[in-house]
Protein backbone atom coordinates (compact mmCIF):
# COMPACT_ATOMS: atom_id res chain seq x y z
CA UNK A 1 -36.68 178.72 -94.30
CA UNK A 2 -33.67 176.67 -93.31
CA UNK A 3 -33.81 178.00 -89.75
CA UNK A 4 -37.53 177.15 -89.59
CA UNK A 5 -36.83 173.67 -90.92
CA UNK A 6 -34.08 173.12 -88.34
CA UNK A 7 -36.39 174.34 -85.58
CA UNK A 8 -39.14 171.94 -86.65
CA UNK A 9 -36.66 169.05 -86.73
CA UNK A 10 -35.52 169.87 -83.20
CA UNK A 11 -39.11 170.03 -81.88
CA UNK A 12 -41.10 167.19 -83.51
CA UNK A 13 -43.57 167.07 -80.59
CA UNK A 14 -44.62 170.65 -81.32
CA UNK A 15 -45.22 169.77 -84.95
CA UNK A 16 -47.38 166.80 -84.02
CA UNK A 17 -49.31 168.91 -81.51
CA UNK A 18 -49.98 171.56 -84.15
CA UNK A 19 -51.35 169.01 -86.63
CA UNK A 20 -53.43 167.42 -83.88
CA UNK A 21 -55.10 170.79 -83.20
CA UNK A 22 -55.65 171.35 -86.92
CA UNK A 23 -57.17 167.88 -87.32
CA UNK A 24 -59.48 168.43 -84.33
CA UNK A 25 -60.60 171.79 -85.68
CA UNK A 26 -61.35 170.42 -89.14
CA UNK A 27 -63.26 167.53 -87.59
CA UNK A 28 -65.37 169.94 -85.52
CA UNK A 29 -66.23 172.01 -88.58
CA UNK A 30 -67.08 168.92 -90.59
CA UNK A 31 -69.22 167.50 -87.76
CA UNK A 32 -71.12 170.76 -87.36
CA UNK A 33 -71.94 170.79 -91.05
CA UNK A 34 -73.44 167.27 -91.00
CA UNK A 35 -77.11 166.88 -90.20
CA UNK A 36 -77.94 164.59 -87.30
CA UNK A 37 -81.29 162.88 -87.89
CA UNK A 38 -80.91 160.76 -84.79
CA UNK A 39 -81.09 163.63 -82.36
CA UNK A 40 -78.43 165.16 -80.18
CA UNK A 41 -76.73 162.05 -78.83
CA UNK A 42 -74.45 161.56 -81.81
CA UNK A 43 -72.68 164.97 -81.67
CA UNK A 44 -72.07 164.47 -77.96
CA UNK A 45 -70.39 161.12 -78.62
CA UNK A 46 -68.49 162.43 -81.64
CA UNK A 47 -66.40 164.94 -79.70
CA UNK A 48 -64.66 162.34 -77.45
CA UNK A 49 -63.79 160.28 -80.53
CA UNK A 50 -62.28 163.39 -82.15
CA UNK A 51 -60.26 164.13 -79.02
CA UNK A 52 -58.90 160.60 -78.76
CA UNK A 53 -57.86 160.48 -82.42
CA UNK A 54 -56.27 163.93 -82.21
CA UNK A 55 -54.38 162.81 -79.11
CA UNK A 56 -53.06 159.87 -81.13
CA UNK A 57 -51.49 162.31 -83.62
CA UNK A 58 -50.05 164.50 -80.87
CA UNK A 59 -48.28 161.68 -78.99
CA UNK A 60 -47.50 159.26 -81.81
CA UNK A 61 -43.70 159.78 -81.64
CA UNK A 62 -43.39 159.59 -77.87
CA UNK A 63 -45.39 156.39 -77.35
CA UNK A 64 -46.30 154.79 -80.70
CA UNK A 65 -47.42 151.42 -79.29
CA UNK A 66 -49.77 153.00 -76.73
CA UNK A 67 -51.18 155.39 -79.32
CA UNK A 68 -51.87 152.44 -81.62
CA UNK A 69 -53.91 150.81 -78.86
CA UNK A 70 -55.71 154.11 -78.21
CA UNK A 71 -56.49 154.45 -81.92
CA UNK A 72 -57.87 150.92 -82.03
CA UNK A 73 -60.04 151.62 -78.99
CA UNK A 74 -61.31 154.84 -80.56
CA UNK A 75 -62.03 153.05 -83.84
CA UNK A 76 -63.93 150.23 -82.16
CA UNK A 77 -65.85 152.76 -80.08
CA UNK A 78 -66.68 154.67 -83.24
CA UNK A 79 -68.17 151.49 -84.74
CA UNK A 80 -70.12 150.63 -81.59
CA UNK A 81 -71.69 154.04 -80.93
CA UNK A 82 -72.31 154.62 -84.63
CA UNK A 83 -70.10 157.70 -85.15
CA UNK A 84 -69.77 157.96 -88.92
CA UNK A 85 -66.31 158.45 -90.50
CA UNK A 86 -64.73 161.83 -89.67
CA UNK A 87 -61.64 163.77 -90.83
CA UNK A 88 -60.12 162.76 -87.48
CA UNK A 89 -59.97 159.18 -88.79
CA UNK A 90 -56.90 160.32 -90.74
CA UNK A 91 -55.09 159.67 -87.44
CA UNK A 92 -55.42 155.94 -88.17
CA UNK A 93 -53.29 156.33 -91.30
CA UNK A 94 -50.73 158.34 -89.35
CA UNK A 95 -50.39 155.87 -86.48
CA UNK A 96 -50.15 152.91 -88.87
CA UNK A 97 -47.22 154.57 -90.62
CA UNK A 98 -45.58 155.61 -87.32
CA UNK A 99 -45.78 152.17 -85.74
CA UNK A 100 -44.50 150.47 -88.90
CA UNK A 101 -41.53 152.87 -88.97
CA UNK A 102 -40.56 153.11 -85.29
CA UNK A 103 -42.71 150.80 -83.19
CA UNK A 104 -42.10 147.30 -81.91
CA UNK A 105 -42.51 144.37 -84.27
CA UNK A 106 -45.70 143.13 -82.58
CA UNK A 107 -47.19 146.61 -82.85
CA UNK A 108 -46.23 146.80 -86.52
CA UNK A 109 -47.95 143.50 -87.28
CA UNK A 110 -51.02 144.58 -85.28
CA UNK A 111 -51.12 147.86 -87.20
CA UNK A 112 -51.04 145.99 -90.52
CA UNK A 113 -53.92 143.76 -89.43
CA UNK A 114 -55.97 146.74 -88.28
CA UNK A 115 -55.17 148.64 -91.47
CA UNK A 116 -56.46 145.80 -93.63
CA UNK A 117 -59.66 145.48 -91.56
CA UNK A 118 -60.53 149.15 -90.99
CA UNK A 119 -62.02 150.00 -94.38
CA UNK A 120 -64.07 146.76 -94.79
CA UNK A 121 -65.51 147.12 -91.27
CA UNK A 122 -66.39 150.75 -91.92
CA UNK A 123 -68.06 149.82 -95.19
CA UNK A 124 -70.08 147.08 -93.47
CA UNK A 125 -71.09 149.48 -90.67
CA UNK A 126 -72.02 152.37 -92.96
CA UNK A 127 -72.79 150.94 -96.40
CA UNK A 128 -74.01 153.10 -99.24
CA UNK A 129 -77.63 152.08 -99.62
CA UNK A 130 -77.76 153.49 -103.14
CA UNK A 131 -74.85 151.33 -104.33
CA UNK A 132 -74.77 147.65 -105.15
CA UNK A 133 -72.87 145.03 -103.17
CA UNK A 134 -70.09 144.93 -105.76
CA UNK A 135 -69.75 148.70 -105.59
CA UNK A 136 -69.52 148.62 -101.80
CA UNK A 137 -66.81 145.95 -102.02
CA UNK A 138 -64.92 148.04 -104.55
CA UNK A 139 -65.12 151.06 -102.27
CA UNK A 140 -63.82 148.99 -99.35
CA UNK A 141 -60.87 147.74 -101.41
CA UNK A 142 -60.13 151.24 -102.63
CA UNK A 143 -60.17 152.60 -99.09
CA UNK A 144 -57.88 149.81 -97.89
CA UNK A 145 -55.11 150.80 -100.32
CA UNK A 146 -54.03 153.98 -98.42
CA UNK A 147 -53.74 152.02 -95.17
CA UNK A 148 -51.64 149.33 -96.84
CA UNK A 149 -49.42 151.94 -98.50
CA UNK A 150 -48.96 153.74 -95.17
CA UNK A 151 -47.75 150.52 -93.55
CA UNK A 152 -45.46 149.64 -96.48
CA UNK A 153 -43.95 153.13 -96.44
CA UNK A 154 -43.34 152.98 -92.68
CA UNK A 155 -41.79 149.52 -92.89
CA UNK A 156 -39.53 150.70 -95.74
CA UNK A 157 -38.40 153.63 -93.62
CA UNK A 158 -37.62 151.23 -90.76
CA UNK A 159 -35.55 149.01 -93.08
CA UNK A 160 -33.72 151.99 -94.52
CA UNK A 161 -32.89 153.39 -91.10
CA UNK A 162 -31.60 150.01 -89.96
CA UNK A 163 -29.45 149.79 -93.10
CA UNK A 164 -27.96 153.23 -92.56
CA UNK A 165 -27.36 152.43 -88.90
CA UNK A 166 -25.41 149.34 -89.95
CA UNK A 167 -23.42 151.41 -92.44
CA UNK A 168 -22.58 153.99 -89.78
CA UNK A 169 -21.56 151.27 -87.34
CA UNK A 170 -19.41 149.63 -89.97
CA UNK A 171 -17.81 152.95 -90.92
CA UNK A 172 -17.05 153.69 -87.27
CA UNK A 173 -15.57 150.22 -86.81
CA UNK A 174 -13.45 150.56 -89.95
CA UNK A 175 -12.27 153.98 -88.80
CA UNK A 176 -11.16 152.52 -85.48
CA UNK A 177 -9.43 149.62 -87.24
CA UNK A 178 -7.73 152.03 -89.60
CA UNK A 179 -6.52 154.18 -86.71
CA UNK A 180 -5.20 151.07 -84.98
CA UNK A 181 -3.43 149.95 -88.16
CA UNK A 182 -1.91 153.42 -88.52
CA UNK A 183 -0.58 153.23 -84.96
CA UNK A 184 0.89 149.81 -85.66
CA UNK A 185 2.46 151.11 -88.85
CA UNK A 186 3.98 154.08 -87.01
CA UNK A 187 5.38 151.81 -84.31
CA UNK A 188 6.82 149.41 -86.90
CA UNK A 189 8.37 152.24 -88.90
CA UNK A 190 9.88 153.77 -85.77
CA UNK A 191 11.33 150.41 -84.84
CA UNK A 192 12.85 150.10 -88.29
CA UNK A 193 14.27 153.62 -88.11
CA UNK A 194 15.66 152.85 -84.66
CA UNK A 195 17.43 149.77 -85.95
CA UNK A 196 18.92 151.68 -88.85
CA UNK A 197 20.03 154.57 -86.66
CA UNK A 198 21.47 152.03 -84.28
CA UNK A 199 23.57 150.68 -87.15
CA UNK A 200 24.64 154.22 -88.08
CA UNK A 201 25.78 154.97 -84.54
CA UNK A 202 27.56 151.64 -84.27
CA UNK A 203 29.36 152.28 -87.55
CA UNK A 204 30.46 155.74 -86.41
CA UNK A 205 31.72 154.34 -83.12
CA UNK A 206 33.62 151.66 -85.02
CA UNK A 207 35.26 154.37 -87.16
CA UNK A 208 36.21 156.28 -84.00
CA UNK A 209 37.80 153.17 -82.50
CA UNK A 210 39.82 152.48 -85.64
CA UNK A 211 40.97 156.11 -85.88
CA UNK A 212 41.89 156.18 -82.18
CA UNK A 213 43.98 153.03 -82.56
CA UNK A 214 45.71 154.52 -85.59
CA UNK A 215 46.40 157.81 -83.84
CA UNK A 216 47.91 156.01 -80.86
CA UNK A 217 50.12 153.96 -83.20
CA UNK A 218 51.53 156.96 -85.14
CA UNK A 219 51.42 159.56 -82.37
CA UNK A 220 55.22 159.68 -81.93
CA UNK A 221 56.30 158.84 -85.49
CA UNK A 222 53.81 160.97 -87.46
CA UNK A 223 52.16 163.70 -85.36
CA UNK A 224 50.38 165.18 -88.40
CA UNK A 225 48.64 161.91 -89.14
CA UNK A 226 47.71 161.55 -85.48
CA UNK A 227 46.24 165.06 -85.50
CA UNK A 228 44.21 164.29 -88.60
CA UNK A 229 42.94 161.08 -86.99
CA UNK A 230 41.90 163.00 -83.85
CA UNK A 231 39.99 165.51 -85.99
CA UNK A 232 38.20 162.63 -87.66
CA UNK A 233 37.36 161.18 -84.26
CA UNK A 234 35.99 164.55 -83.12
CA UNK A 235 33.73 165.06 -86.16
CA UNK A 236 32.58 161.44 -86.16
CA UNK A 237 31.87 161.60 -82.43
CA UNK A 238 29.73 164.72 -82.82
CA UNK A 239 27.79 163.06 -85.58
CA UNK A 240 27.38 159.92 -83.48
CA UNK A 241 26.04 162.01 -80.59
CA UNK A 242 23.50 163.63 -82.89
CA UNK A 243 22.37 160.26 -84.21
CA UNK A 244 22.24 158.87 -80.68
CA UNK A 245 19.93 161.70 -79.62
CA UNK A 246 17.57 160.82 -82.46
CA UNK A 247 17.85 157.16 -81.60
CA UNK A 248 16.79 157.80 -78.00
CA UNK A 249 13.70 159.59 -79.28
CA UNK A 250 12.52 156.62 -81.31
CA UNK A 251 10.23 154.07 -79.76
CA UNK A 252 11.85 150.63 -79.93
CA UNK A 253 9.67 147.53 -80.15
CA UNK A 254 12.11 145.23 -78.40
CA UNK A 255 13.58 143.75 -81.56
CA UNK A 256 17.33 143.33 -81.39
CA UNK A 257 19.99 143.50 -84.04
CA UNK A 258 21.22 140.07 -85.04
CA UNK A 259 24.73 139.20 -84.08
CA UNK A 260 27.30 140.21 -86.67
CA UNK A 261 29.27 143.13 -87.94
CA UNK A 262 27.51 146.48 -88.11
CA UNK A 263 27.60 147.94 -91.62
CA UNK A 264 26.87 151.51 -92.74
CA UNK A 265 23.38 152.21 -94.02
CA UNK A 266 22.68 153.56 -97.55
CA UNK A 267 23.69 157.16 -98.20
CA UNK A 268 23.07 159.89 -100.77
CA UNK A 269 25.79 158.59 -103.10
CA UNK A 270 23.85 155.35 -103.54
CA UNK A 271 20.74 157.16 -104.80
CA UNK A 272 22.26 157.20 -108.28
CA UNK A 273 22.70 153.41 -108.10
CA UNK A 274 19.08 153.13 -106.97
CA UNK A 275 17.96 155.19 -109.95
CA UNK A 276 20.00 152.94 -112.25
CA UNK A 277 18.27 149.86 -110.85
CA UNK A 278 14.88 151.44 -111.50
CA UNK A 279 15.87 152.21 -115.09
CA UNK A 280 16.96 148.61 -115.61
CA UNK A 281 13.56 147.44 -114.32
CA UNK A 282 11.81 149.50 -117.03
CA UNK A 283 10.94 152.71 -115.14
CA UNK A 284 12.28 155.85 -116.87
CA UNK A 285 13.82 158.07 -114.20
CA UNK A 286 15.44 161.46 -114.68
CA UNK A 287 18.04 162.15 -111.97
CA UNK A 288 19.64 165.56 -111.32
CA UNK A 289 21.88 166.92 -108.59
CA UNK A 290 22.01 170.67 -108.03
CA UNK A 291 24.32 172.60 -105.77
CA UNK A 292 27.67 171.65 -104.30
CA UNK A 293 27.83 168.22 -102.68
CA UNK A 294 29.08 168.19 -99.10
CA UNK A 295 29.31 165.79 -96.16
CA UNK A 296 25.91 165.12 -94.56
CA UNK A 297 24.88 163.62 -91.23
CA UNK A 298 24.38 159.88 -91.60
CA UNK A 299 20.75 160.11 -90.50
CA UNK A 300 20.03 162.71 -93.18
CA UNK A 301 21.64 160.60 -95.88
CA UNK A 302 19.74 157.51 -94.77
CA UNK A 303 16.45 159.45 -94.71
CA UNK A 304 17.03 160.86 -98.20
CA UNK A 305 17.84 157.43 -99.62
CA UNK A 306 14.81 155.75 -98.02
CA UNK A 307 12.41 158.44 -99.23
CA UNK A 308 13.63 158.17 -102.82
CA UNK A 309 13.50 154.38 -102.57
CA UNK A 310 9.91 154.41 -101.25
CA UNK A 311 8.73 156.95 -103.82
CA UNK A 312 10.19 155.10 -106.81
CA UNK A 313 8.89 151.78 -105.51
CA UNK A 314 5.35 153.14 -105.33
CA UNK A 315 5.67 154.68 -108.79
CA UNK A 316 6.43 151.21 -110.14
CA UNK A 317 3.52 149.71 -108.19
CA UNK A 318 0.81 152.27 -108.80
CA UNK A 319 1.98 154.52 -111.63
CA UNK A 320 0.44 152.39 -114.33
CA UNK A 321 1.86 151.59 -117.78
CA UNK A 322 4.12 154.19 -119.34
CA UNK A 323 4.73 156.07 -116.08
CA UNK A 324 7.96 157.98 -115.63
CA UNK A 325 9.61 159.67 -112.67
CA UNK A 326 12.13 162.37 -111.90
CA UNK A 327 14.41 162.79 -108.87
CA UNK A 328 16.07 166.09 -107.99
CA UNK A 329 18.64 166.38 -105.22
CA UNK A 330 19.38 170.01 -104.27
CA UNK A 331 22.11 171.13 -101.85
CA UNK A 332 21.19 174.38 -100.13
CA UNK A 333 23.33 176.34 -97.69
CA UNK A 334 21.45 174.96 -94.68
CA UNK A 335 19.53 172.02 -96.03
CA UNK A 336 19.14 169.20 -98.51
CA UNK A 337 16.13 169.31 -100.81
CA UNK A 338 14.48 166.31 -102.43
CA UNK A 339 11.84 166.45 -105.16
CA UNK A 340 10.43 163.17 -106.49
CA UNK A 341 7.66 163.37 -109.11
CA UNK A 342 5.91 160.92 -111.39
CA UNK A 343 3.31 161.23 -114.14
CA UNK A 344 1.50 157.95 -113.46
CA UNK A 345 -2.26 157.71 -113.63
CA UNK A 346 -2.71 154.18 -112.28
CA UNK A 347 -3.39 154.92 -108.61
CA UNK A 348 -6.68 156.57 -107.58
CA UNK A 349 -6.42 159.99 -105.98
CA UNK A 350 -8.50 158.77 -103.04
CA UNK A 351 -5.63 156.50 -102.07
CA UNK A 352 -3.26 159.46 -101.88
CA UNK A 353 -5.75 161.51 -99.90
CA UNK A 354 -6.08 158.76 -97.31
CA UNK A 355 -2.51 159.33 -96.20
CA UNK A 356 -0.47 156.82 -98.14
CA UNK A 357 -0.09 154.94 -101.36
CA UNK A 358 1.27 151.53 -100.53
CA UNK A 359 -2.14 149.87 -100.75
CA UNK A 360 -2.88 150.26 -97.03
CA UNK A 361 -2.32 153.95 -96.44
CA UNK A 362 1.02 153.60 -94.59
CA UNK A 363 3.57 154.84 -97.18
CA UNK A 364 3.44 158.50 -96.25
CA UNK A 365 3.26 157.62 -92.55
CA UNK A 366 6.72 156.08 -92.74
CA UNK A 367 8.09 159.03 -94.74
CA UNK A 368 6.76 161.56 -92.27
CA UNK A 369 8.24 159.61 -89.38
CA UNK A 370 11.66 159.55 -91.03
CA UNK A 371 11.59 163.23 -91.95
CA UNK A 372 10.38 164.16 -88.48
CA UNK A 373 13.25 162.26 -86.85
CA UNK A 374 15.82 164.54 -88.54
CA UNK A 375 13.79 167.73 -88.05
CA UNK A 376 12.81 168.13 -91.71
CA UNK A 377 9.58 168.93 -93.54
CA UNK A 378 7.61 166.91 -96.09
CA UNK A 379 4.95 167.98 -98.57
CA UNK A 380 3.20 165.32 -100.65
CA UNK A 381 0.13 165.22 -102.85
CA UNK A 382 -1.28 164.60 -106.32
CA UNK A 383 0.02 166.67 -109.23
CA UNK A 384 -2.33 168.63 -111.49
CA UNK A 385 -3.13 166.46 -114.47
CA UNK A 386 -2.11 163.20 -112.80
CA UNK A 387 0.82 161.75 -110.95
CA UNK A 388 2.25 162.42 -107.53
CA UNK A 389 4.82 164.79 -106.04
CA UNK A 390 6.93 164.45 -102.90
CA UNK A 391 8.93 167.45 -101.72
CA UNK A 392 11.27 167.14 -98.73
CA UNK A 393 13.65 169.56 -96.99
CA UNK A 394 16.20 168.05 -94.60
CA UNK A 395 18.51 170.11 -92.34
CA UNK A 396 22.25 169.61 -92.80
CA UNK A 397 23.30 170.67 -89.32
CA UNK A 398 21.49 168.79 -86.56
CA UNK A 399 21.53 170.45 -83.20
CA UNK A 400 23.55 168.74 -80.46
């Protein structure tokens, strides 16, 4: 049945043609069964009227305005040549509905006028001699109701289609605006990451310069200290090269660092301070560190800190009253794991599903950009029973 329905929807002209044939056949059978006291002229004139009205049904979707005119001509001709009402006159109802739903406005108004006049004119042309005047008027009013309802139904369909078209246009426009906002958010987040990585690289270079100056100063007096300083320069330089490679992959927006001393960005050790600040603000946070702590690339530490900061900030914003959070920091052999969870029920799940939870859908975009810059993976989504979970794995050894 579904395949048949789909086929009929794809071929509306065939459907109209089928009903036109059916209507013509029924009209022929009904005309043959009616006695013709006026001789043989009436049946001869009846067939062209049937054909015209059937043609109206067959072509109503392709050319509704023209078929309305054809139906009016057939109806007037039916009145003039005295062809009594036939089953084919049902085509008038059909074309009134079609023009009201899909035709031009002038055609719709013309169809309404014709619909209101058709039944009274037919009743005047072929009155029931056995009925009183009041009864004939009542019959005319009763027969006018289907025509009026057909026009009202068609006009309602037109209004509904226009409304849905506006909704679709608005949804498409909002989707484009949302995509544009997402691109702007990605560009802004990349610019922010670039600035922070720029500070990290500058700090590492500053450390290398200080260590190089110290090594040169104690090279003759304390060779061991000079050797240790050179090792520090080597490890810091490798880390700076890794951060520089990430920095070159970030799209800058042209914003420049203000003049002043470059300072190191937040690191993993400051996550505990961040958790303490959240507790002081009234958000219960459980913080655990698993595994053996070890030196991390500066970009990895910065990414871990920013993700925890963003997650806890959004818990405070959207978690609702009584929400709590937990932060787990896990040191693996080849990676750093982060798990941030909350049990808040204040934010709707639709907001999470849209790709972010900062009120505009850009929170997760920034997280994914940061994690992607260090080659990590991020998994985020609602928790069963309420709340939100963010799971991140960051590599400890960036490739040079």
